[in-house]
Amino acid sequence: MTLSKNEFENQTFTKESFTHLVLKHKIFSYVTFEGCDFTQSDLTGSRLLECKFLNCNLSLLKIDGCRLQNIDFDLCKLVGVNFSNCDRMFLAIQFKKCLIGTCNFSNLDLKNTPFHDCTIRDTHFKEINLTGADFRGSDLSGSLFHSTNLSKANFVNALNYSINPLTNKLSKTKFSKPEVLSLLDHLDIIVE
């Protein structure tokens, strides 16, 4: 499929394949993508404003310089996406019940970003502002948090996270038992 226009507004794309497509410098406003496949597509320099991705595959999507403003990802697969290369101005994204694997969110400001009930595997959160972020019910196996501000973040019912309290900022961060005990793994102590 080719998208010959440069601007798309108030449209819905259902079960479309955009795999391997170069969609550089396009503008998508109030567009819904449902069941679409964006595997290895290139959205470099594009602007997405108030868009929804429902049950889409966005694996290996290239978003260098892409503006993501008020974007909802629901039930999506995002593997190998480097969010740290997207346009940081107006960046506002949220995730619900997504599979997020080997992605990079480093050096971003994602204050108050929801990651509800997601599976987040082997993903980097380095030198990032996640103040007030919400990871409720998410599985964070193998994900890396380093020099990250997690003040007022919510990890209630989150699983398999590994957060070093000595290298990350934790202030009024919410955790639940027994998973909160994993914070002790980074300390040179013995718990009996």
Protein backbone atom coordinates (compact mmCIF):
# COMPACT_ATOMS: atom_id res chain seq x y z
CA MET A 1 0.00 0.00 0.00
CA THR A 2 1.24 3.51 -0.74
CA LEU A 3 0.05 6.67 0.88
CA SER A 4 0.51 9.29 -1.78
CA LYS A 5 -1.02 12.15 0.23
CA ASN A 6 1.06 14.00 2.79
CA GLU A 7 -1.75 14.78 5.24
CA PHE A 8 -4.41 12.53 6.76
CA GLU A 9 -7.11 13.78 9.13
CA ASN A 10 -10.07 12.12 10.88
CA GLN A 11 -9.54 8.80 9.15
CA THR A 12 -9.56 5.19 10.28
CA PHE A 13 -7.28 2.55 8.78
CA THR A 14 -8.33 -1.03 9.54
CA LYS A 15 -6.16 -4.11 8.98
CA GLU A 16 -3.84 -2.30 6.57
CA SER A 17 -0.28 -3.42 5.97
CA PHE A 18 2.27 -0.63 6.05
CA THR A 19 5.25 -2.99 6.43
CA HIS A 20 8.56 -1.70 5.10
CA LEU A 21 6.87 1.53 3.89
CA VAL A 22 8.65 4.85 3.91
CA LEU A 23 6.14 7.31 5.37
CA LYS A 24 8.55 10.18 6.01
CA HIS A 25 7.30 13.70 6.72
CA LYS A 26 3.58 12.77 6.70
CA ILE A 27 1.01 14.39 8.98
CA PHE A 28 -1.61 12.24 10.71
CA SER A 29 -4.20 14.12 12.79
CA TYR A 30 -6.99 12.37 14.71
CA VAL A 31 -6.30 9.14 12.84
CA THR A 32 -7.10 5.68 14.21
CA PHE A 33 -5.10 2.63 13.13
CA GLU A 34 -6.80 -0.64 14.03
CA GLY A 35 -5.15 -4.00 13.45
CA CYS A 36 -2.51 -2.44 11.19
CA ASP A 37 1.03 -3.71 10.63
CA PHE A 38 3.83 -1.12 10.65
CA THR A 39 6.72 -3.61 10.92
CA GLN A 40 9.95 -1.94 9.76
CA SER A 41 8.13 1.15 8.51
CA ASP A 42 9.81 4.54 8.53
CA LEU A 43 7.96 7.54 10.00
CA THR A 44 11.04 9.76 10.17
CA GLY A 45 10.08 13.42 10.51
CA SER A 46 6.34 12.70 10.50
CA ARG A 47 3.83 14.29 12.86
CA LEU A 48 1.21 12.22 14.63
CA LEU A 49 -1.32 14.29 16.55
CA GLU A 50 -4.13 12.80 18.65
CA CYS A 51 -3.80 9.36 17.02
CA LYS A 52 -4.80 5.92 18.31
CA PHE A 53 -3.12 2.60 17.58
CA LEU A 54 -5.34 -0.36 18.48
CA ASN A 55 -4.00 -3.91 18.23
CA CYS A 56 -1.22 -2.84 15.83
CA ASN A 57 2.25 -4.28 15.23
CA LEU A 58 4.80 -1.46 15.35
CA SER A 59 7.92 -3.62 15.60
CA LEU A 60 11.16 -2.05 14.38
CA LEU A 61 9.28 1.15 13.52
CA LYS A 62 11.67 4.02 12.80
CA ILE A 63 10.51 7.29 14.40
CA ASP A 64 13.58 9.53 14.19
CA GLY A 65 12.43 13.13 14.58
CA CYS A 66 8.78 11.99 14.61
CA ARG A 67 6.36 14.05 16.71
CA LEU A 68 4.16 11.88 18.93
CA GLN A 69 1.60 14.20 20.47
CA ASN A 70 -1.22 12.64 22.52
CA ILE A 71 -0.82 9.13 21.11
CA ASP A 72 -2.61 6.09 22.55
CA PHE A 73 -1.18 2.60 22.09
CA ASP A 74 -3.68 -0.09 23.13
CA LEU A 75 -3.00 -3.83 22.77
CA CYS A 76 -0.05 -3.06 20.48
CA LYS A 77 3.24 -4.84 19.87
CA LEU A 78 6.24 -2.49 19.99
CA VAL A 79 9.55 -4.32 19.65
CA GLY A 80 12.86 -2.61 18.92
CA VAL A 81 11.44 0.94 18.76
CA ASN A 82 13.87 3.72 19.72
CA PHE A 83 11.60 6.35 21.28
CA SER A 84 14.65 8.34 22.38
CA ASN A 85 15.11 9.49 18.76
CA CYS A 86 11.62 10.97 18.39
CA ASP A 87 10.87 14.70 18.58
CA ARG A 88 10.81 15.61 22.27
CA MET A 89 8.65 18.69 21.81
CA PHE A 90 5.03 17.99 22.83
CA LEU A 91 5.86 14.30 23.44
CA ALA A 92 2.81 12.67 25.06
CA ILE A 93 2.21 8.92 24.75
CA GLN A 94 0.35 6.28 26.71
CA PHE A 95 0.33 2.51 26.68
CA LYS A 96 -2.35 0.03 27.74
CA LYS A 97 -1.96 -3.76 27.60
CA CYS A 98 0.93 -3.50 25.13
CA LEU A 99 3.90 -5.77 24.51
CA ILE A 100 6.95 -3.49 24.68
CA GLY A 101 10.25 -5.27 24.05
CA THR A 102 13.83 -4.10 23.60
CA CYS A 103 12.68 -0.49 23.24
CA ASN A 104 14.62 2.59 24.29
CA PHE A 105 13.01 5.46 26.21
CA SER A 106 16.29 6.98 27.44
CA ASN A 107 16.78 10.71 27.96
CA LEU A 108 13.09 11.56 27.59
CA ASP A 109 10.62 13.44 29.76
CA LEU A 110 7.71 11.04 30.22
CA LYS A 111 6.24 12.58 33.35
CA ASN A 112 2.84 11.02 34.22
CA THR A 113 3.00 8.54 31.33
CA PRO A 114 0.76 5.48 31.80
CA PHE A 115 2.13 2.00 31.04
CA HIS A 116 -0.94 0.10 32.32
CA ASP A 117 -0.94 -3.71 32.34
CA CYS A 118 1.90 -3.94 29.81
CA THR A 119 4.59 -6.55 29.29
CA ILE A 120 7.77 -4.48 29.14
CA ARG A 121 10.80 -6.69 28.45
CA ASP A 122 14.48 -5.74 28.15
CA THR A 123 13.64 -2.05 27.70
CA HIS A 124 15.87 0.89 28.66
CA PHE A 125 14.69 3.70 30.92
CA LYS A 126 17.99 5.54 31.42
CA GLU A 127 18.33 9.19 32.46
CA ILE A 128 14.61 9.74 32.02
CA ASN A 129 11.99 11.68 33.95
CA LEU A 130 9.25 9.21 34.89
CA THR A 131 7.83 11.31 37.72
CA GLY A 132 4.26 10.16 38.29
CA ALA A 133 4.50 7.45 35.61
CA ASP A 134 2.09 4.57 36.11
CA PHE A 135 3.35 0.99 35.67
CA ARG A 136 0.41 -0.64 37.49
CA GLY A 137 0.05 -4.32 36.63
CA SER A 138 3.00 -4.36 34.22
CA ASP A 139 5.69 -7.03 33.92
CA LEU A 140 9.11 -5.37 33.62
CA SER A 141 11.38 -8.40 33.18
CA GLY A 142 14.90 -7.44 32.16
CA SER A 143 14.11 -3.73 31.87
CA LEU A 144 16.81 -1.29 32.96
CA PHE A 145 16.22 1.77 35.13
CA HIS A 146 19.33 3.94 35.63
CA SER A 147 19.64 7.59 36.72
CA THR A 148 15.86 7.78 36.40
CA ASN A 149 13.48 9.99 38.34
CA LEU A 150 10.74 7.66 39.60
CA SER A 151 9.29 10.08 42.17
CA LYS A 152 5.57 9.45 42.69
CA ALA A 153 5.65 6.66 40.08
CA ASN A 154 3.23 3.78 40.63
CA PHE A 155 4.50 0.18 40.59
CA VAL A 156 1.53 -1.32 42.46
CA ASN A 157 0.96 -4.89 41.25
CA ALA A 158 3.91 -4.55 38.84
CA LEU A 159 6.16 -7.59 38.54
CA ASN A 160 9.78 -8.50 37.85
CA TYR A 161 11.20 -4.98 38.07
CA SER A 162 14.81 -4.40 39.05
CA ILE A 163 15.29 -0.88 40.37
CA ASN A 164 18.44 0.14 42.19
CA PRO A 165 17.43 2.68 44.86
CA LEU A 166 21.01 4.01 44.90
CA THR A 167 21.10 5.00 41.20
CA ASN A 168 17.47 6.09 40.72
CA LYS A 169 15.40 8.74 42.46
CA LEU A 170 12.62 7.21 44.53
CA SER A 171 10.44 9.62 46.48
CA LYS A 172 6.86 8.73 47.35
CA THR A 173 7.11 5.97 44.74
CA LYS A 174 4.35 3.39 45.22
CA PHE A 175 5.14 -0.33 45.40
CA SER A 176 3.24 -3.39 46.58
CA LYS A 177 4.31 -6.44 48.58
CA PRO A 178 6.06 -8.78 48.09
CA GLU A 179 7.64 -7.38 44.90
CA VAL A 180 8.96 -4.30 46.73
CA LEU A 181 11.56 -6.57 48.35
CA SER A 182 13.39 -6.67 44.99
CA LEU A 183 14.69 -3.17 45.84
CA LEU A 184 16.91 -4.86 48.42
CA ASP A 185 18.66 -6.96 45.74
CA HIS A 186 20.92 -4.00 44.93
CA LEU A 187 22.10 -3.47 48.49
CA ASP A 188 24.98 -5.35 50.11
CA ILE A 189 22.77 -6.85 52.78
CA ILE A 190 21.55 -10.25 53.87
CA VAL A 191 17.85 -10.80 54.50
CA GLU A 192 16.85 -13.90 56.43
